[in-house]
Amino acid sequence: MGYYVTRLRRPYDYKVFVDAYVYSQRSNFVHPDFNEYYSALVEALEFQFGIQFPTKLALSSKPVFWMYFRSNVDQLNALGANYGNILEAGLLIRKLEEAGVLGEAIFNGGRQIAKAIGQAEQGHKGMLYNLFILIFGEQTRVVTSADLLEDGFDDSREPDIMNYQQYI
């Protein structure tokens, strides 16, 4: 996940609700606008779905499942891109290209890691979606942008990472 974020799908079913919650719990966004937006979106979706994510374990109706849900959220948010902590990845990439065979071997390792991270992300999301159902029950509601706007939340203001390149 690193610095990057995929914009959320619309309309919002329970899976997108979970994805928004995961984003709201991230600590490594490049700008506070992301945390503010996703936290406000989760609050708006909680209202729409009639579900509130517990802020403390004791507030959960199913604490063991909630603890495992939170653990998976934290693990998913800890997954990072190969170049996530490198300020000037472009320089590193150019130097690896110049390194010949060893550089290509390093790129291959990076591709393997990226594939494993993608598989881990999918595994965590699948677990989170199923844990959500265990905790809150089956949810068939689908929330539209119009539903959110009617309640005062404008989802057209979702931050776009392309507007924050100076912070990367």
N, C-alpha and C. Protein backbone atom coordinates (compact mmCIF):
# COMPACT_ATOMS: atom_id res chain seq x y z
N MET A 1 0.82 -1.18 0.00
CA MET A 1 0.00 0.00 0.00
C MET A 1 0.87 1.25 0.00
N GLY A 2 1.91 1.26 0.80
CA GLY A 2 2.83 2.40 0.80
C GLY A 2 2.11 3.72 0.88
N TYR A 3 2.55 4.67 0.06
CA TYR A 3 1.95 5.99 0.04
C TYR A 3 0.67 6.03 -0.77
N TYR A 4 0.45 5.04 -1.59
CA TYR A 4 -0.60 5.11 -2.59
C TYR A 4 -1.92 4.58 -2.08
N VAL A 5 -2.96 5.05 -2.69
CA VAL A 5 -4.31 4.65 -2.31
C VAL A 5 -5.14 4.56 -3.59
N THR A 6 -5.92 3.51 -3.67
CA THR A 6 -6.83 3.36 -4.80
C THR A 6 -8.14 4.03 -4.41
N ARG A 7 -8.66 4.83 -5.30
CA ARG A 7 -9.93 5.49 -4.99
C ARG A 7 -11.01 4.42 -4.79
N LEU A 8 -11.93 4.69 -3.90
CA LEU A 8 -12.97 3.72 -3.57
C LEU A 8 -14.00 3.60 -4.68
N ARG A 9 -14.51 2.38 -4.83
CA ARG A 9 -15.58 2.13 -5.80
C ARG A 9 -16.88 2.75 -5.28
N ARG A 10 -17.76 3.05 -6.17
CA ARG A 10 -19.09 3.54 -5.85
C ARG A 10 -20.08 2.75 -6.68
N PRO A 11 -21.27 2.50 -6.24
CA PRO A 11 -21.82 2.81 -4.91
C PRO A 11 -21.15 1.95 -3.84
N TYR A 12 -21.54 2.21 -2.61
CA TYR A 12 -20.89 1.61 -1.45
C TYR A 12 -21.68 0.42 -0.92
N ASP A 13 -21.16 -0.78 -1.14
CA ASP A 13 -21.72 -1.95 -0.49
C ASP A 13 -20.90 -2.19 0.79
N TYR A 14 -21.17 -3.29 1.49
CA TYR A 14 -20.46 -3.51 2.75
C TYR A 14 -18.96 -3.69 2.53
N LYS A 15 -18.55 -4.21 1.38
CA LYS A 15 -17.12 -4.39 1.12
C LYS A 15 -16.41 -3.04 0.98
N VAL A 16 -17.04 -2.11 0.29
CA VAL A 16 -16.43 -0.78 0.15
C VAL A 16 -16.45 -0.06 1.50
N PHE A 17 -17.48 -0.32 2.30
CA PHE A 17 -17.55 0.21 3.66
C PHE A 17 -16.33 -0.27 4.46
N VAL A 18 -16.02 -1.56 4.36
CA VAL A 18 -14.84 -2.12 5.04
C VAL A 18 -13.57 -1.48 4.49
N ASP A 19 -13.46 -1.34 3.18
CA ASP A 19 -12.28 -0.72 2.57
C ASP A 19 -12.09 0.71 3.09
N ALA A 20 -13.20 1.45 3.20
CA ALA A 20 -13.13 2.82 3.72
C ALA A 20 -12.63 2.80 5.17
N TYR A 21 -13.11 1.84 5.95
CA TYR A 21 -12.66 1.73 7.34
C TYR A 21 -11.16 1.46 7.40
N VAL A 22 -10.69 0.55 6.55
CA VAL A 22 -9.25 0.25 6.51
C VAL A 22 -8.47 1.53 6.22
N TYR A 23 -8.90 2.29 5.22
CA TYR A 23 -8.23 3.55 4.90
C TYR A 23 -8.27 4.52 6.08
N SER A 24 -9.39 4.55 6.79
CA SER A 24 -9.52 5.49 7.90
C SER A 24 -8.55 5.17 9.03
N GLN A 25 -8.03 3.96 9.05
CA GLN A 25 -7.12 3.53 10.11
C GLN A 25 -5.65 3.62 9.71
N ARG A 26 -5.37 4.05 8.50
CA ARG A 26 -3.98 4.16 8.04
C ARG A 26 -3.29 5.34 8.70
N SER A 27 -2.01 5.19 8.92
CA SER A 27 -1.23 6.27 9.53
C SER A 27 -0.16 6.82 8.59
N ASN A 28 -0.04 6.26 7.38
CA ASN A 28 1.07 6.66 6.52
C ASN A 28 0.64 7.40 5.26
N PHE A 29 -0.53 8.02 5.28
CA PHE A 29 -0.91 8.84 4.14
C PHE A 29 0.04 10.04 4.02
N VAL A 30 0.19 10.54 2.81
CA VAL A 30 1.11 11.64 2.57
C VAL A 30 0.58 12.97 3.08
N HIS A 31 -0.71 13.04 3.36
CA HIS A 31 -1.31 14.30 3.79
C HIS A 31 -2.52 14.01 4.68
N PRO A 32 -2.75 14.83 5.70
CA PRO A 32 -3.89 14.61 6.59
C PRO A 32 -5.26 14.67 5.89
N ASP A 33 -5.33 15.26 4.71
CA ASP A 33 -6.60 15.30 3.98
C ASP A 33 -7.18 13.91 3.79
N PHE A 34 -6.32 12.92 3.57
CA PHE A 34 -6.78 11.55 3.33
C PHE A 34 -7.44 10.98 4.59
N ASN A 35 -6.76 11.11 5.74
CA ASN A 35 -7.33 10.61 6.98
C ASN A 35 -8.64 11.31 7.33
N GLU A 36 -8.67 12.61 7.14
CA GLU A 36 -9.90 13.36 7.44
C GLU A 36 -11.04 12.90 6.55
N TYR A 37 -10.78 12.75 5.27
CA TYR A 37 -11.83 12.35 4.33
C TYR A 37 -12.36 10.95 4.68
N TYR A 38 -11.45 9.97 4.81
CA TYR A 38 -11.90 8.59 5.03
C TYR A 38 -12.55 8.42 6.40
N SER A 39 -12.11 9.14 7.41
CA SER A 39 -12.77 9.08 8.72
C SER A 39 -14.18 9.64 8.62
N ALA A 40 -14.35 10.74 7.92
CA ALA A 40 -15.68 11.33 7.74
C ALA A 40 -16.57 10.42 6.89
N LEU A 41 -15.99 9.79 5.87
CA LEU A 41 -16.77 8.87 5.04
C LEU A 41 -17.25 7.68 5.87
N VAL A 42 -16.38 7.12 6.70
CA VAL A 42 -16.78 5.99 7.54
C VAL A 42 -17.93 6.41 8.45
N GLU A 43 -17.83 7.58 9.03
CA GLU A 43 -18.90 8.08 9.90
C GLU A 43 -20.22 8.19 9.12
N ALA A 44 -20.16 8.71 7.90
CA ALA A 44 -21.37 8.83 7.07
C ALA A 44 -21.91 7.46 6.70
N LEU A 45 -21.03 6.51 6.38
CA LEU A 45 -21.48 5.16 6.03
C LEU A 45 -22.02 4.42 7.26
N GLU A 46 -21.42 4.65 8.41
CA GLU A 46 -21.96 4.05 9.64
C GLU A 46 -23.42 4.46 9.82
N PHE A 47 -23.70 5.73 9.60
CA PHE A 47 -25.07 6.23 9.72
C PHE A 47 -25.97 5.54 8.69
N GLN A 48 -25.51 5.48 7.45
CA GLN A 48 -26.31 4.90 6.37
C GLN A 48 -26.58 3.41 6.60
N PHE A 49 -25.58 2.67 7.07
CA PHE A 49 -25.73 1.24 7.28
C PHE A 49 -26.37 0.91 8.64
N GLY A 50 -26.42 1.90 9.53
CA GLY A 50 -26.93 1.64 10.87
C GLY A 50 -25.99 0.77 11.68
N ILE A 51 -24.70 0.91 11.39
CA ILE A 51 -23.65 0.11 12.04
C ILE A 51 -22.58 1.07 12.53
N GLN A 52 -22.10 0.82 13.75
CA GLN A 52 -20.99 1.63 14.24
C GLN A 52 -19.83 0.71 14.59
N PHE A 53 -18.67 1.01 14.00
CA PHE A 53 -17.47 0.26 14.34
C PHE A 53 -17.09 0.59 15.79
N PRO A 54 -16.85 -0.43 16.61
CA PRO A 54 -16.48 -0.17 18.01
C PRO A 54 -15.17 0.60 18.11
N THR A 55 -15.12 1.54 19.02
CA THR A 55 -13.87 2.27 19.25
C THR A 55 -13.03 1.58 20.31
N LYS A 56 -13.67 0.71 21.11
CA LYS A 56 -12.97 -0.07 22.13
C LYS A 56 -13.48 -1.49 22.08
N LEU A 57 -12.62 -2.41 22.43
CA LEU A 57 -12.97 -3.83 22.41
C LEU A 57 -14.22 -4.10 23.25
N ALA A 58 -14.32 -3.43 24.39
CA ALA A 58 -15.45 -3.66 25.30
C ALA A 58 -16.79 -3.25 24.67
N LEU A 59 -16.76 -2.40 23.65
CA LEU A 59 -17.99 -1.94 23.00
C LEU A 59 -18.48 -2.91 21.93
N SER A 60 -17.68 -3.91 21.63
CA SER A 60 -18.04 -4.86 20.58
C SER A 60 -18.98 -5.93 21.11
N SER A 61 -19.95 -6.30 20.29
CA SER A 61 -20.85 -7.39 20.67
C SER A 61 -20.17 -8.75 20.50
N LYS A 62 -19.13 -8.80 19.71
CA LYS A 62 -18.38 -10.04 19.48
C LYS A 62 -16.89 -9.72 19.57
N PRO A 63 -16.39 -9.53 20.80
CA PRO A 63 -15.02 -9.03 20.98
C PRO A 63 -13.92 -9.86 20.35
N VAL A 64 -14.05 -11.19 20.36
CA VAL A 64 -12.99 -12.03 19.79
C VAL A 64 -12.89 -11.76 18.28
N PHE A 65 -14.04 -11.71 17.61
CA PHE A 65 -14.03 -11.44 16.17
C PHE A 65 -13.57 -10.01 15.89
N TRP A 66 -13.99 -9.06 16.73
CA TRP A 66 -13.57 -7.67 16.53
C TRP A 66 -12.07 -7.53 16.70
N MET A 67 -11.50 -8.23 17.67
CA MET A 67 -10.06 -8.18 17.89
C MET A 67 -9.33 -8.70 16.65
N TYR A 68 -9.84 -9.78 16.07
CA TYR A 68 -9.22 -10.36 14.88
C TYR A 68 -9.43 -9.43 13.67
N PHE A 69 -10.57 -8.81 13.57
CA PHE A 69 -10.84 -7.83 12.51
C PHE A 69 -9.81 -6.71 12.60
N ARG A 70 -9.66 -6.12 13.79
CA ARG A 70 -8.71 -5.00 13.99
C ARG A 70 -7.28 -5.45 13.67
N SER A 71 -6.92 -6.64 14.06
CA SER A 71 -5.59 -7.16 13.78
C SER A 71 -5.36 -7.24 12.27
N ASN A 72 -6.36 -7.71 11.53
CA ASN A 72 -6.23 -7.79 10.08
C ASN A 72 -6.18 -6.42 9.43
N VAL A 73 -6.92 -5.45 9.96
CA VAL A 73 -6.84 -4.08 9.46
C VAL A 73 -5.41 -3.56 9.62
N ASP A 74 -4.86 -3.75 10.81
CA ASP A 74 -3.49 -3.27 11.08
C ASP A 74 -2.47 -3.96 10.18
N GLN A 75 -2.62 -5.27 10.00
CA GLN A 75 -1.69 -6.01 9.15
C GLN A 75 -1.80 -5.56 7.70
N LEU A 76 -3.03 -5.35 7.23
CA LEU A 76 -3.23 -4.89 5.86
C LEU A 76 -2.60 -3.51 5.67
N ASN A 77 -2.78 -2.63 6.62
CA ASN A 77 -2.20 -1.30 6.51
C ASN A 77 -0.69 -1.29 6.64
N ALA A 78 -0.12 -2.34 7.21
CA ALA A 78 1.33 -2.43 7.36
C ALA A 78 2.02 -2.93 6.09
N LEU A 79 1.25 -3.54 5.19
CA LEU A 79 1.86 -4.01 3.93
C LEU A 79 2.34 -2.78 3.16
N GLY A 80 3.49 -2.88 2.56
CA GLY A 80 4.03 -1.72 1.87
C GLY A 80 4.52 -2.03 0.48
N ALA A 81 4.64 -0.99 -0.30
CA ALA A 81 5.21 -1.12 -1.64
C ALA A 81 6.72 -1.30 -1.53
N ASN A 82 7.31 -1.87 -2.55
CA ASN A 82 8.76 -2.12 -2.53
C ASN A 82 9.57 -0.85 -2.32
N TYR A 83 9.10 0.24 -2.85
CA TYR A 83 9.87 1.49 -2.76
C TYR A 83 9.21 2.48 -1.81
N GLY A 84 8.33 1.99 -0.95
CA GLY A 84 7.52 2.84 -0.09
C GLY A 84 8.30 3.77 0.83
N ASN A 85 9.46 3.36 1.31
CA ASN A 85 10.21 4.18 2.24
C ASN A 85 11.39 4.90 1.59
N ILE A 86 11.45 4.86 0.28
CA ILE A 86 12.56 5.49 -0.42
C ILE A 86 12.05 6.78 -1.04
N LEU A 87 12.65 7.90 -0.64
CA LEU A 87 12.17 9.20 -1.10
C LEU A 87 12.37 9.39 -2.60
N GLU A 88 13.48 8.91 -3.14
CA GLU A 88 13.75 9.11 -4.56
C GLU A 88 13.86 7.76 -5.24
N ALA A 89 12.72 7.11 -5.45
CA ALA A 89 12.71 5.79 -6.07
C ALA A 89 13.21 5.87 -7.51
N GLY A 90 12.98 6.98 -8.18
CA GLY A 90 13.43 7.12 -9.57
C GLY A 90 14.94 6.95 -9.69
N LEU A 91 15.68 7.53 -8.77
CA LEU A 91 17.14 7.39 -8.77
C LEU A 91 17.54 5.94 -8.54
N LEU A 92 16.91 5.29 -7.59
CA LEU A 92 17.21 3.89 -7.31
C LEU A 92 16.92 3.03 -8.55
N ILE A 93 15.79 3.23 -9.17
CA ILE A 93 15.43 2.45 -10.36
C ILE A 93 16.45 2.65 -11.47
N ARG A 94 16.85 3.90 -11.71
CA ARG A 94 17.85 4.16 -12.75
C ARG A 94 19.17 3.45 -12.43
N LYS A 95 19.59 3.51 -11.18
CA LYS A 95 20.85 2.87 -10.78
C LYS A 95 20.75 1.34 -10.91
N LEU A 96 19.59 0.78 -10.59
CA LEU A 96 19.41 -0.67 -10.75
C LEU A 96 19.43 -1.05 -12.22
N GLU A 97 18.84 -0.24 -13.07
CA GLU A 97 18.89 -0.50 -14.51
C GLU A 97 20.31 -0.50 -15.02
N GLU A 98 21.13 0.40 -14.47
CA GLU A 98 22.53 0.49 -14.87
C GLU A 98 23.36 -0.66 -14.31
N ALA A 99 22.85 -1.37 -13.31
CA ALA A 99 23.61 -2.43 -12.64
C ALA A 99 23.60 -3.75 -13.40
N GLY A 100 22.90 -3.81 -14.52
CA GLY A 100 22.95 -5.01 -15.35
C GLY A 100 22.24 -6.20 -14.75
N VAL A 101 22.94 -7.34 -14.74
CA VAL A 101 22.37 -8.62 -14.31
C VAL A 101 21.91 -8.55 -12.84
N LEU A 102 22.74 -7.98 -12.00
CA LEU A 102 22.35 -7.88 -10.58
C LEU A 102 21.13 -6.96 -10.41
N GLY A 103 21.09 -5.89 -11.16
CA GLY A 103 19.94 -5.00 -11.11
C GLY A 103 18.67 -5.72 -11.54
N GLU A 104 18.77 -6.52 -12.60
CA GLU A 104 17.60 -7.29 -13.07
C GLU A 104 17.17 -8.31 -12.03
N ALA A 105 18.13 -8.93 -11.35
CA ALA A 105 17.81 -9.90 -10.30
C ALA A 105 17.07 -9.20 -9.15
N ILE A 106 17.49 -7.98 -8.85
CA ILE A 106 16.82 -7.21 -7.79
C ILE A 106 15.40 -6.85 -8.24
N PHE A 107 15.24 -6.44 -9.50
CA PHE A 107 13.89 -6.16 -10.03
C PHE A 107 13.01 -7.40 -9.95
N ASN A 108 13.57 -8.57 -10.30
CA ASN A 108 12.80 -9.81 -10.22
C ASN A 108 12.34 -10.09 -8.79
N GLY A 109 13.24 -9.88 -7.85
CA GLY A 109 12.87 -10.04 -6.44
C GLY A 109 11.76 -9.07 -6.05
N GLY A 110 11.86 -7.85 -6.55
CA GLY A 110 10.82 -6.86 -6.28
C GLY A 110 9.47 -7.26 -6.85
N ARG A 111 9.50 -7.84 -8.06
CA ARG A 111 8.24 -8.31 -8.66
C ARG A 111 7.63 -9.44 -7.84
N GLN A 112 8.48 -10.34 -7.34
CA GLN A 112 7.97 -11.43 -6.49
C GLN A 112 7.35 -10.89 -5.21
N ILE A 113 8.01 -9.91 -4.62
CA ILE A 113 7.50 -9.30 -3.40
C ILE A 113 6.17 -8.59 -3.69
N ALA A 114 6.10 -7.86 -4.79
CA ALA A 114 4.87 -7.15 -5.15
C ALA A 114 3.72 -8.14 -5.35
N LYS A 115 4.02 -9.27 -5.98
CA LYS A 115 2.99 -10.30 -6.18
C LYS A 115 2.52 -10.85 -4.83
N ALA A 116 3.47 -11.13 -3.95
CA ALA A 116 3.12 -11.66 -2.62
C ALA A 116 2.31 -10.64 -1.82
N ILE A 117 2.68 -9.36 -1.92
CA ILE A 117 1.93 -8.32 -1.23
C ILE A 117 0.50 -8.26 -1.76
N GLY A 118 0.35 -8.34 -3.08
CA GLY A 118 -0.98 -8.34 -3.68
C GLY A 118 -1.81 -9.51 -3.20
N GLN A 119 -1.19 -10.69 -3.10
CA GLN A 119 -1.91 -11.87 -2.60
C GLN A 119 -2.27 -11.70 -1.12
N ALA A 120 -1.36 -11.13 -0.35
CA ALA A 120 -1.64 -10.89 1.07
C ALA A 120 -2.78 -9.87 1.23
N GLU A 121 -2.77 -8.82 0.40
CA GLU A 121 -3.86 -7.83 0.47
C GLU A 121 -5.20 -8.50 0.19
N GLN A 122 -5.26 -9.33 -0.84
CA GLN A 122 -6.51 -10.02 -1.17
C GLN A 122 -6.93 -10.96 -0.05
N GLY A 123 -5.98 -11.67 0.54
CA GLY A 123 -6.29 -12.55 1.66
C GLY A 123 -6.86 -11.79 2.85
N HIS A 124 -6.21 -10.67 3.20
CA HIS A 124 -6.70 -9.85 4.32
C HIS A 124 -8.09 -9.30 4.03
N LYS A 125 -8.29 -8.81 2.81
CA LYS A 125 -9.62 -8.26 2.49
C LYS A 125 -10.70 -9.32 2.55
N GLY A 126 -10.42 -10.51 2.04
CA GLY A 126 -11.40 -11.59 2.12
C GLY A 126 -11.75 -11.92 3.56
N MET A 127 -10.72 -11.97 4.41
CA MET A 127 -10.97 -12.23 5.82
C MET A 127 -11.78 -11.10 6.45
N LEU A 128 -11.44 -9.87 6.13
CA LEU A 128 -12.16 -8.72 6.70
C LEU A 128 -13.63 -8.72 6.28
N TYR A 129 -13.90 -9.01 5.02
CA TYR A 129 -15.29 -9.01 4.56
C TYR A 129 -16.09 -10.08 5.30
N ASN A 130 -15.50 -11.25 5.48
CA ASN A 130 -16.20 -12.32 6.19
C ASN A 130 -16.32 -12.05 7.69
N LEU A 131 -15.29 -11.47 8.28
CA LEU A 131 -15.38 -11.09 9.69
C LEU A 131 -16.45 -10.02 9.89
N PHE A 132 -16.54 -9.09 8.95
CA PHE A 132 -17.58 -8.06 9.03
C PHE A 132 -18.96 -8.71 9.13
N ILE A 133 -19.21 -9.71 8.29
CA ILE A 133 -20.50 -10.40 8.31
C ILE A 133 -20.69 -11.14 9.65
N LEU A 134 -19.63 -11.77 10.16
CA LEU A 134 -19.74 -12.45 11.45
C LEU A 134 -20.09 -11.47 12.57
N ILE A 135 -19.54 -10.27 12.50
CA ILE A 135 -19.74 -9.29 13.57
C ILE A 135 -21.06 -8.55 13.40
N PHE A 136 -21.37 -8.10 12.19
CA PHE A 136 -22.50 -7.20 11.98
C PHE A 136 -23.67 -7.84 11.24
N GLY A 137 -23.49 -9.06 10.75
CA GLY A 137 -24.54 -9.72 10.00
C GLY A 137 -24.47 -9.39 8.51
N GLU A 138 -25.24 -10.14 7.75
CA GLU A 138 -25.28 -9.95 6.29
C GLU A 138 -25.83 -8.56 5.98
N GLN A 139 -25.18 -7.87 5.08
CA GLN A 139 -25.60 -6.52 4.70
C GLN A 139 -25.87 -6.45 3.21
N THR A 140 -27.08 -6.14 2.84
CA THR A 140 -27.43 -6.04 1.42
C THR A 140 -27.59 -4.59 0.98
N ARG A 141 -27.59 -3.68 1.92
CA ARG A 141 -27.77 -2.25 1.59
C ARG A 141 -26.64 -1.79 0.69
N VAL A 142 -26.97 -0.95 -0.26
CA VAL A 142 -26.00 -0.29 -1.11
C VAL A 142 -26.27 1.20 -1.00
N VAL A 143 -25.24 1.96 -0.65
CA VAL A 143 -25.36 3.40 -0.43
C VAL A 143 -24.79 4.12 -1.64
N THR A 144 -25.54 5.08 -2.14
CA THR A 144 -25.10 5.85 -3.30
C THR A 144 -24.49 7.18 -2.87
N SER A 145 -23.83 7.81 -3.81
CA SER A 145 -23.30 9.15 -3.55
C SER A 145 -24.43 10.10 -3.22
N ALA A 146 -25.57 9.94 -3.88
CA ALA A 146 -26.74 10.80 -3.61
C ALA A 146 -27.24 10.61 -2.18
N ASP A 147 -27.23 9.35 -1.69
CA ASP A 147 -27.63 9.09 -0.30
C ASP A 147 -26.73 9.85 0.66
N LEU A 148 -25.43 9.79 0.41
CA LEU A 148 -24.47 10.47 1.29
C LEU A 148 -24.65 11.98 1.22
N LEU A 149 -24.83 12.50 0.01
CA LEU A 149 -24.99 13.94 -0.15
C LEU A 149 -26.24 14.43 0.55
N GLU A 150 -27.29 13.64 0.50
CA GLU A 150 -28.54 14.00 1.17
C GLU A 150 -28.32 14.18 2.67
N ASP A 151 -27.37 13.41 3.23
CA ASP A 151 -27.05 13.52 4.65
C ASP A 151 -25.88 14.46 4.92
N GLY A 152 -25.42 15.17 3.89
CA GLY A 152 -24.40 16.19 4.10
C GLY A 152 -22.96 15.79 3.83
N PHE A 153 -22.74 14.58 3.27
CA PHE A 153 -21.37 14.18 2.96
C PHE A 153 -21.19 14.14 1.45
N ASP A 154 -20.20 14.89 0.95
CA ASP A 154 -19.92 14.97 -0.48
C ASP A 154 -18.74 14.08 -0.82
N ASP A 155 -19.03 12.91 -1.40
CA ASP A 155 -17.93 11.97 -1.71
C ASP A 155 -17.17 12.35 -2.97
N SER A 156 -17.58 13.40 -3.65
CA SER A 156 -16.82 13.85 -4.82
C SER A 156 -15.51 14.54 -4.38
N ARG A 157 -15.36 14.74 -3.11
CA ARG A 157 -14.16 15.40 -2.58
C ARG A 157 -13.08 14.41 -2.13
N GLU A 158 -13.22 13.14 -2.55
CA GLU A 158 -12.20 12.15 -2.19
C GLU A 158 -10.85 12.61 -2.71
N PRO A 159 -9.84 12.67 -1.84
CA PRO A 159 -8.52 13.12 -2.29
C PRO A 159 -7.96 12.20 -3.38
N ASP A 160 -7.28 12.81 -4.32
CA ASP A 160 -6.63 12.09 -5.41
C ASP A 160 -5.12 12.24 -5.23
N ILE A 161 -4.43 11.12 -5.12
CA ILE A 161 -2.99 11.14 -4.86
C ILE A 161 -2.24 11.98 -5.90
N MET A 162 -2.77 12.06 -7.10
CA MET A 162 -2.11 12.84 -8.15
C MET A 162 -2.03 14.32 -7.79
N ASN A 163 -2.90 14.79 -6.89
CA ASN A 163 -2.87 16.18 -6.45
C ASN A 163 -1.94 16.40 -5.26
N TYR A 164 -1.23 15.34 -4.85
CA TYR A 164 -0.38 15.43 -3.65
C TYR A 164 1.05 14.99 -3.96
N GLN A 165 1.44 15.07 -5.23
CA GLN A 165 2.78 14.60 -5.62
C GLN A 165 3.91 15.32 -4.88
N GLN A 166 3.70 16.57 -4.53
CA GLN A 166 4.75 17.33 -3.84
C GLN A 166 5.03 16.78 -2.44
N TYR A 167 4.12 15.96 -1.90
CA TYR A 167 4.31 15.41 -0.57
C TYR A 167 4.96 14.02 -0.59
N ILE A 168 5.10 13.47 -1.78
CA ILE A 168 5.66 12.12 -1.89
C ILE A 168 7.18 12.18 -1.94
